[in-house]
Each structure stands twice: as C-alpha cells, then as structure tokens.
Amino acid sequence: MWQLQRNDNQAVMNLHSQYWWSDEYSWSSLKQSKPVYSLSGAMHIDQGTMLAGRPITLDCSKARIKRMDMETLQDWSMVPELKMTLTHPDGRTFIVMFDSPALTDIEPVKNYRAGDEEGNDPFKANIILMTV
C-alpha cells in the first residue's frame, strides 16, 4: 500500500496498492548542457546531478480512490510548498510535494446524479508528485 503523510501535521492517507509509478524509470538525475565550442574548437559540456525534481506520477489505470480522499488530496494540493513523505509499497520513502496539476484524469467509476454523490464513491485520478 502507498502511504502519503503530511510533514506539517502528520496527517496520513493510505492509497490503493495498485497505483503504478508510471515515470519511475524515465528520469535521470544526470543532466547536461548543450555542447558549447570554444574559439579553438574544443567542446565544453557541463554535467551535474539533480538533487530534486524527480517526477512521481501515480497512475490510476488499475487503482481507485474514494471521493472523500480525492477531495482531501485536492485540499492538500492547495497548501503552498506542502512537503509530504511518500512511502512506496516496498518500503522506500521520498520527500515530495504536489506538482501542478496535482490530480489529473479524474473521473468517476460510474455516473452519479448531482446530489447522489457519497464520500465512498470510487473514482480514478492520477496523483502528480515530485521529489524535493
């Protein structure tokens, strides 16, 4: 099970274990500049290691989230610079904050009439985070 914990007030949200980290292997901490050539023709390339900014997109293809939890995440995403600890189901932890937009591809699993919604209604929603 994924777990997201606010670092300011220790509030915890458990997320469906079938959320999938869709961009886990598409990011590299090694970054480099475009080649720059000196007047002598020598090529200069700057390289460095990124200390933060790794995307963590929790894909909802096979996971569901309750309406009330989605609303809580939406509220959390409105807190400027909110830092949280994300715990991967395998035990790894990451200090994260919401990227923008924080939630994408939001849709109910079934259609509800206005006024018939309940807190336990299942939704699909991607959760967009990044390491800090």
N, C-alpha and C. Protein backbone atom coordinates (compact mmCIF):
# COMPACT_ATOMS: atom_id res chain seq x y z
N MET A 1 0.84 -1.18 0.00
CA MET A 1 0.00 0.00 0.00
C MET A 1 0.89 1.24 0.00
N TRP A 2 0.52 2.22 -0.80
CA TRP A 2 1.20 3.51 -0.80
C TRP A 2 0.69 4.31 0.39
N GLN A 3 1.56 5.13 0.97
CA GLN A 3 1.14 6.00 2.07
C GLN A 3 1.70 7.40 1.84
N LEU A 4 0.84 8.39 2.01
CA LEU A 4 1.24 9.78 1.87
C LEU A 4 0.99 10.46 3.21
N GLN A 5 2.06 11.04 3.78
CA GLN A 5 1.95 11.69 5.10
C GLN A 5 2.41 13.13 5.00
N ARG A 6 1.55 14.02 5.47
CA ARG A 6 1.94 15.43 5.52
C ARG A 6 3.04 15.59 6.56
N ASN A 7 4.05 16.41 6.25
CA ASN A 7 5.14 16.62 7.20
C ASN A 7 4.83 17.73 8.19
N ASP A 8 3.79 18.54 7.93
CA ASP A 8 3.47 19.63 8.84
C ASP A 8 2.58 19.20 10.00
N ASN A 9 1.59 18.34 9.74
CA ASN A 9 0.67 17.95 10.82
C ASN A 9 0.55 16.43 10.97
N GLN A 10 1.36 15.69 10.24
CA GLN A 10 1.45 14.23 10.30
C GLN A 10 0.18 13.50 9.85
N ALA A 11 -0.77 14.19 9.21
CA ALA A 11 -1.96 13.53 8.67
C ALA A 11 -1.52 12.50 7.63
N VAL A 12 -2.17 11.35 7.64
CA VAL A 12 -1.78 10.24 6.77
C VAL A 12 -2.93 9.85 5.87
N MET A 13 -2.59 9.53 4.62
CA MET A 13 -3.57 8.98 3.69
C MET A 13 -2.98 7.72 3.08
N ASN A 14 -3.73 6.63 3.19
CA ASN A 14 -3.34 5.38 2.54
C ASN A 14 -3.95 5.35 1.16
N LEU A 15 -3.13 4.97 0.18
CA LEU A 15 -3.56 4.92 -1.21
C LEU A 15 -3.55 3.48 -1.70
N HIS A 16 -4.41 3.19 -2.64
CA HIS A 16 -4.55 1.85 -3.20
C HIS A 16 -3.19 1.29 -3.61
N SER A 17 -2.95 0.05 -3.30
CA SER A 17 -1.65 -0.56 -3.60
C SER A 17 -1.42 -0.76 -5.09
N GLN A 18 -2.49 -0.66 -5.90
CA GLN A 18 -2.30 -0.86 -7.33
C GLN A 18 -2.05 0.44 -8.10
N TYR A 19 -1.85 1.54 -7.37
CA TYR A 19 -1.32 2.71 -8.07
C TYR A 19 0.03 2.31 -8.63
N TRP A 20 0.35 2.81 -9.82
CA TRP A 20 1.58 2.44 -10.50
C TRP A 20 2.40 3.69 -10.75
N TRP A 21 3.68 3.66 -10.37
CA TRP A 21 4.60 4.78 -10.58
C TRP A 21 5.01 4.75 -12.04
N SER A 22 4.29 5.47 -12.87
CA SER A 22 4.42 5.36 -14.32
C SER A 22 5.71 5.95 -14.88
N ASP A 23 6.32 6.90 -14.20
CA ASP A 23 7.54 7.52 -14.73
C ASP A 23 8.78 7.20 -13.89
N GLU A 24 8.73 6.06 -13.21
CA GLU A 24 9.83 5.68 -12.31
C GLU A 24 11.17 5.56 -13.03
N TYR A 25 11.14 5.05 -14.25
CA TYR A 25 12.40 4.79 -14.95
C TYR A 25 12.64 5.73 -16.13
N SER A 26 11.84 6.76 -16.25
CA SER A 26 12.02 7.67 -17.39
C SER A 26 12.74 8.96 -17.00
N TRP A 27 13.32 9.01 -15.82
CA TRP A 27 14.00 10.20 -15.34
C TRP A 27 15.42 9.85 -14.98
N SER A 28 16.33 10.76 -15.21
CA SER A 28 17.72 10.57 -14.82
C SER A 28 18.16 11.78 -14.00
N SER A 29 18.89 11.53 -12.94
CA SER A 29 19.40 12.63 -12.12
C SER A 29 20.58 13.33 -12.79
N LEU A 30 21.19 12.67 -13.79
CA LEU A 30 22.31 13.28 -14.51
C LEU A 30 21.76 14.20 -15.59
N LYS A 31 22.15 15.46 -15.54
CA LYS A 31 21.73 16.44 -16.54
C LYS A 31 22.98 17.04 -17.16
N GLN A 32 22.84 17.46 -18.40
CA GLN A 32 23.99 18.10 -19.06
C GLN A 32 23.52 19.21 -19.98
N SER A 33 24.44 20.15 -20.20
CA SER A 33 24.16 21.28 -21.08
C SER A 33 24.39 20.88 -22.52
N LYS A 34 23.92 21.71 -23.40
CA LYS A 34 24.21 21.52 -24.83
C LYS A 34 25.70 21.81 -25.02
N PRO A 35 26.33 21.13 -25.97
CA PRO A 35 27.75 21.39 -26.22
C PRO A 35 27.99 22.85 -26.64
N VAL A 36 29.03 23.43 -26.10
CA VAL A 36 29.47 24.78 -26.46
C VAL A 36 30.90 24.66 -26.96
N TYR A 37 31.19 25.29 -28.08
CA TYR A 37 32.52 25.19 -28.66
C TYR A 37 33.29 26.47 -28.41
N SER A 38 34.54 26.31 -28.00
CA SER A 38 35.41 27.47 -27.77
C SER A 38 35.97 27.94 -29.12
N LEU A 39 36.67 29.06 -29.10
CA LEU A 39 37.27 29.58 -30.33
C LEU A 39 38.31 28.62 -30.91
N SER A 40 38.90 27.80 -30.04
CA SER A 40 39.90 26.83 -30.53
C SER A 40 39.24 25.57 -31.09
N GLY A 41 37.92 25.46 -30.94
CA GLY A 41 37.21 24.29 -31.44
C GLY A 41 36.97 23.23 -30.39
N ALA A 42 37.48 23.45 -29.18
CA ALA A 42 37.26 22.48 -28.11
C ALA A 42 35.78 22.50 -27.68
N MET A 43 35.27 21.35 -27.34
CA MET A 43 33.89 21.25 -26.92
C MET A 43 33.81 21.22 -25.39
N HIS A 44 32.89 22.01 -24.84
CA HIS A 44 32.68 22.06 -23.39
C HIS A 44 31.25 21.62 -23.11
N ILE A 45 31.12 20.67 -22.19
CA ILE A 45 29.81 20.21 -21.75
C ILE A 45 29.81 20.21 -20.23
N ASP A 46 28.83 20.88 -19.64
CA ASP A 46 28.67 20.85 -18.19
C ASP A 46 27.71 19.73 -17.83
N GLN A 47 28.08 18.97 -16.82
CA GLN A 47 27.21 17.92 -16.31
C GLN A 47 27.07 18.09 -14.81
N GLY A 48 25.92 17.67 -14.30
CA GLY A 48 25.68 17.73 -12.87
C GLY A 48 24.57 16.78 -12.47
N THR A 49 24.46 16.59 -11.19
CA THR A 49 23.44 15.69 -10.65
C THR A 49 22.33 16.51 -10.02
N MET A 50 21.11 16.23 -10.46
CA MET A 50 19.94 16.91 -9.90
C MET A 50 19.71 16.39 -8.49
N LEU A 51 19.44 17.29 -7.56
CA LEU A 51 19.21 16.90 -6.17
C LEU A 51 17.73 16.68 -5.87
N ALA A 52 16.85 17.19 -6.72
CA ALA A 52 15.41 17.07 -6.50
C ALA A 52 14.70 17.23 -7.84
N GLY A 53 13.39 17.09 -7.81
CA GLY A 53 12.60 17.30 -9.01
C GLY A 53 12.23 16.03 -9.75
N ARG A 54 12.52 14.87 -9.15
CA ARG A 54 12.15 13.62 -9.81
C ARG A 54 10.63 13.48 -9.81
N PRO A 55 10.03 13.25 -10.97
CA PRO A 55 8.57 13.11 -11.01
C PRO A 55 8.14 11.76 -10.43
N ILE A 56 7.05 11.80 -9.70
CA ILE A 56 6.41 10.57 -9.23
C ILE A 56 4.93 10.69 -9.60
N THR A 57 4.58 10.06 -10.71
CA THR A 57 3.20 10.07 -11.18
C THR A 57 2.58 8.73 -10.79
N LEU A 58 1.60 8.78 -9.91
CA LEU A 58 0.90 7.57 -9.51
C LEU A 58 -0.29 7.40 -10.45
N ASP A 59 -0.17 6.43 -11.33
CA ASP A 59 -1.14 6.19 -12.39
C ASP A 59 -2.30 5.35 -11.86
N CYS A 60 -3.51 5.77 -12.24
CA CYS A 60 -4.73 5.16 -11.71
C CYS A 60 -5.31 4.07 -12.60
N SER A 61 -4.57 3.57 -13.58
CA SER A 61 -5.12 2.60 -14.51
C SER A 61 -5.79 1.42 -13.82
N LYS A 62 -5.22 0.97 -12.73
CA LYS A 62 -5.77 -0.19 -12.01
C LYS A 62 -6.16 0.13 -10.58
N ALA A 63 -6.06 1.39 -10.20
CA ALA A 63 -6.34 1.78 -8.82
C ALA A 63 -7.57 2.67 -8.74
N ARG A 64 -8.16 2.70 -7.59
CA ARG A 64 -9.32 3.55 -7.33
C ARG A 64 -9.05 4.38 -6.08
N ILE A 65 -9.73 5.51 -6.01
CA ILE A 65 -9.62 6.37 -4.84
C ILE A 65 -11.02 6.83 -4.47
N LYS A 66 -11.30 6.91 -3.20
CA LYS A 66 -12.61 7.36 -2.74
C LYS A 66 -12.74 8.85 -2.97
N ARG A 67 -13.97 9.26 -3.25
CA ARG A 67 -14.24 10.69 -3.47
C ARG A 67 -13.71 11.52 -2.31
N MET A 68 -13.94 11.09 -1.07
CA MET A 68 -13.51 11.89 0.09
C MET A 68 -11.99 12.00 0.15
N ASP A 69 -11.27 10.94 -0.26
CA ASP A 69 -9.80 11.01 -0.27
C ASP A 69 -9.31 11.92 -1.38
N MET A 70 -9.99 11.86 -2.52
CA MET A 70 -9.62 12.74 -3.63
C MET A 70 -9.82 14.20 -3.23
N GLU A 71 -10.92 14.48 -2.53
CA GLU A 71 -11.18 15.85 -2.07
C GLU A 71 -10.13 16.29 -1.06
N THR A 72 -9.70 15.36 -0.19
CA THR A 72 -8.64 15.68 0.77
C THR A 72 -7.34 16.00 0.05
N LEU A 73 -6.98 15.18 -0.94
CA LEU A 73 -5.77 15.45 -1.72
C LEU A 73 -5.85 16.79 -2.43
N GLN A 74 -7.03 17.10 -2.93
CA GLN A 74 -7.22 18.39 -3.60
C GLN A 74 -7.01 19.54 -2.61
N ASP A 75 -7.53 19.38 -1.39
CA ASP A 75 -7.30 20.39 -0.34
C ASP A 75 -5.82 20.51 -0.01
N TRP A 76 -5.14 19.36 0.14
CA TRP A 76 -3.71 19.38 0.45
C TRP A 76 -2.94 20.07 -0.66
N SER A 77 -3.35 19.86 -1.89
CA SER A 77 -2.61 20.44 -3.02
C SER A 77 -2.70 21.96 -3.06
N MET A 78 -3.62 22.54 -2.31
CA MET A 78 -3.78 23.99 -2.26
C MET A 78 -2.91 24.65 -1.19
N VAL A 79 -2.19 23.84 -0.42
CA VAL A 79 -1.30 24.36 0.62
C VAL A 79 0.06 24.65 -0.03
N PRO A 80 0.48 25.92 -0.06
CA PRO A 80 1.76 26.26 -0.71
C PRO A 80 2.94 25.52 -0.07
N GLU A 81 3.78 24.97 -0.92
CA GLU A 81 5.03 24.33 -0.52
C GLU A 81 4.85 23.21 0.51
N LEU A 82 3.72 22.53 0.48
CA LEU A 82 3.47 21.43 1.41
C LEU A 82 4.40 20.27 1.11
N LYS A 83 5.20 19.90 2.08
CA LYS A 83 6.09 18.76 1.95
C LYS A 83 5.43 17.55 2.61
N MET A 84 5.58 16.40 1.95
CA MET A 84 4.99 15.16 2.43
C MET A 84 6.00 14.04 2.28
N THR A 85 5.77 12.97 3.01
CA THR A 85 6.58 11.77 2.88
C THR A 85 5.73 10.72 2.19
N LEU A 86 6.20 10.25 1.04
CA LEU A 86 5.53 9.19 0.30
C LEU A 86 6.26 7.89 0.58
N THR A 87 5.51 6.89 1.03
CA THR A 87 6.10 5.58 1.28
C THR A 87 5.61 4.62 0.20
N HIS A 88 6.56 4.07 -0.53
CA HIS A 88 6.30 3.10 -1.59
C HIS A 88 5.88 1.78 -0.93
N PRO A 89 5.08 0.95 -1.59
CA PRO A 89 4.72 -0.35 -1.01
C PRO A 89 5.92 -1.23 -0.66
N ASP A 90 7.06 -1.00 -1.32
CA ASP A 90 8.25 -1.81 -0.99
C ASP A 90 9.07 -1.22 0.16
N GLY A 91 8.59 -0.11 0.75
CA GLY A 91 9.26 0.47 1.91
C GLY A 91 10.11 1.69 1.63
N ARG A 92 10.43 1.98 0.37
CA ARG A 92 11.20 3.18 0.07
C ARG A 92 10.38 4.42 0.43
N THR A 93 11.08 5.48 0.84
CA THR A 93 10.39 6.73 1.16
C THR A 93 10.99 7.88 0.35
N PHE A 94 10.13 8.85 0.05
CA PHE A 94 10.53 10.02 -0.72
C PHE A 94 9.88 11.24 -0.09
N ILE A 95 10.64 12.33 0.00
CA ILE A 95 10.06 13.61 0.41
C ILE A 95 9.55 14.25 -0.87
N VAL A 96 8.26 14.57 -0.90
CA VAL A 96 7.61 15.04 -2.12
C VAL A 96 6.75 16.26 -1.85
N MET A 97 6.35 16.88 -2.95
CA MET A 97 5.30 17.89 -2.93
C MET A 97 4.49 17.70 -4.20
N PHE A 98 3.32 18.31 -4.24
CA PHE A 98 2.49 18.19 -5.44
C PHE A 98 3.12 18.97 -6.57
N ASP A 99 3.05 18.40 -7.76
CA ASP A 99 3.38 19.12 -8.97
C ASP A 99 2.09 19.77 -9.45
N SER A 100 2.15 20.50 -10.51
CA SER A 100 0.94 21.16 -11.00
C SER A 100 0.63 20.68 -12.40
N PRO A 101 -0.54 20.15 -12.64
CA PRO A 101 -1.65 19.97 -11.70
C PRO A 101 -1.39 18.78 -10.78
N ALA A 102 -2.00 18.79 -9.62
CA ALA A 102 -1.78 17.76 -8.62
C ALA A 102 -2.54 16.47 -8.95
N LEU A 103 -3.73 16.60 -9.51
CA LEU A 103 -4.57 15.45 -9.86
C LEU A 103 -4.98 15.57 -11.32
N THR A 104 -4.88 14.48 -12.07
CA THR A 104 -5.28 14.52 -13.48
C THR A 104 -6.14 13.30 -13.80
N ASP A 105 -6.77 13.35 -14.95
CA ASP A 105 -7.60 12.25 -15.44
C ASP A 105 -8.63 11.80 -14.40
N ILE A 106 -9.25 12.76 -13.75
CA ILE A 106 -10.24 12.47 -12.71
C ILE A 106 -11.56 12.08 -13.37
N GLU A 107 -12.06 10.93 -12.97
CA GLU A 107 -13.38 10.53 -13.48
C GLU A 107 -14.00 9.51 -12.53
N PRO A 108 -15.32 9.58 -12.39
CA PRO A 108 -16.00 8.59 -11.54
C PRO A 108 -15.98 7.22 -12.22
N VAL A 109 -16.00 6.18 -11.42
CA VAL A 109 -16.05 4.83 -11.96
C VAL A 109 -17.43 4.56 -12.56
N LYS A 110 -18.46 5.15 -11.97
CA LYS A 110 -19.80 5.09 -12.56
C LYS A 110 -20.41 6.48 -12.49
N ASN A 111 -21.42 6.70 -13.28
CA ASN A 111 -22.05 8.02 -13.32
C ASN A 111 -22.99 8.21 -12.13
N TYR A 112 -22.93 9.38 -11.54
CA TYR A 112 -23.78 9.73 -10.41
C TYR A 112 -24.62 10.94 -10.78
N ARG A 113 -25.81 10.97 -10.26
CA ARG A 113 -26.63 12.17 -10.44
C ARG A 113 -26.19 13.19 -9.40
N ALA A 114 -26.27 14.45 -9.78
CA ALA A 114 -25.92 15.52 -8.84
C ALA A 114 -26.76 15.35 -7.58
N GLY A 115 -26.12 15.40 -6.44
CA GLY A 115 -26.81 15.24 -5.16
C GLY A 115 -26.79 13.82 -4.65
N ASP A 116 -26.47 12.86 -5.51
CA ASP A 116 -26.42 11.45 -5.08
C ASP A 116 -25.00 11.00 -4.73
N GLU A 117 -24.03 11.90 -4.82
CA GLU A 117 -22.65 11.53 -4.55
C GLU A 117 -22.47 11.23 -3.06
N GLU A 118 -21.57 10.28 -2.79
CA GLU A 118 -21.21 9.94 -1.41
C GLU A 118 -19.70 9.89 -1.30
N GLY A 119 -19.20 10.01 -0.08
CA GLY A 119 -17.76 10.03 0.16
C GLY A 119 -17.02 8.78 -0.26
N ASN A 120 -17.72 7.64 -0.26
CA ASN A 120 -17.07 6.38 -0.62
C ASN A 120 -17.15 6.05 -2.11
N ASP A 121 -17.75 6.92 -2.91
CA ASP A 121 -17.86 6.67 -4.35
C ASP A 121 -16.46 6.51 -4.94
N PRO A 122 -16.25 5.45 -5.75
CA PRO A 122 -14.92 5.24 -6.34
C PRO A 122 -14.68 6.13 -7.55
N PHE A 123 -13.47 6.66 -7.60
CA PHE A 123 -13.01 7.49 -8.71
C PHE A 123 -11.68 6.97 -9.19
N LYS A 124 -11.31 7.41 -10.38
CA LYS A 124 -9.97 7.23 -10.89
C LYS A 124 -9.34 8.62 -10.94
N ALA A 125 -8.10 8.72 -10.48
CA ALA A 125 -7.38 10.00 -10.54
C ALA A 125 -5.89 9.74 -10.43
N ASN A 126 -5.13 10.29 -11.37
CA ASN A 126 -3.68 10.23 -11.27
C ASN A 126 -3.22 11.25 -10.25
N ILE A 127 -2.21 10.90 -9.47
CA ILE A 127 -1.65 11.78 -8.45
C ILE A 127 -0.25 12.18 -8.92
N ILE A 128 -0.03 13.50 -9.08
CA ILE A 128 1.21 14.00 -9.66
C ILE A 128 2.07 14.65 -8.57
N LEU A 129 3.21 14.03 -8.29
CA LEU A 129 4.12 14.49 -7.25
C LEU A 129 5.51 14.69 -7.84
N MET A 130 6.38 15.34 -7.06
CA MET A 130 7.81 15.42 -7.42
C MET A 130 8.62 15.47 -6.14
N THR A 131 9.83 14.93 -6.21
CA THR A 131 10.69 14.92 -5.04
C THR A 131 11.24 16.33 -4.78
N VAL A 132 11.49 16.61 -3.50
CA VAL A 132 12.08 17.89 -3.10
C VAL A 132 13.28 17.65 -2.21
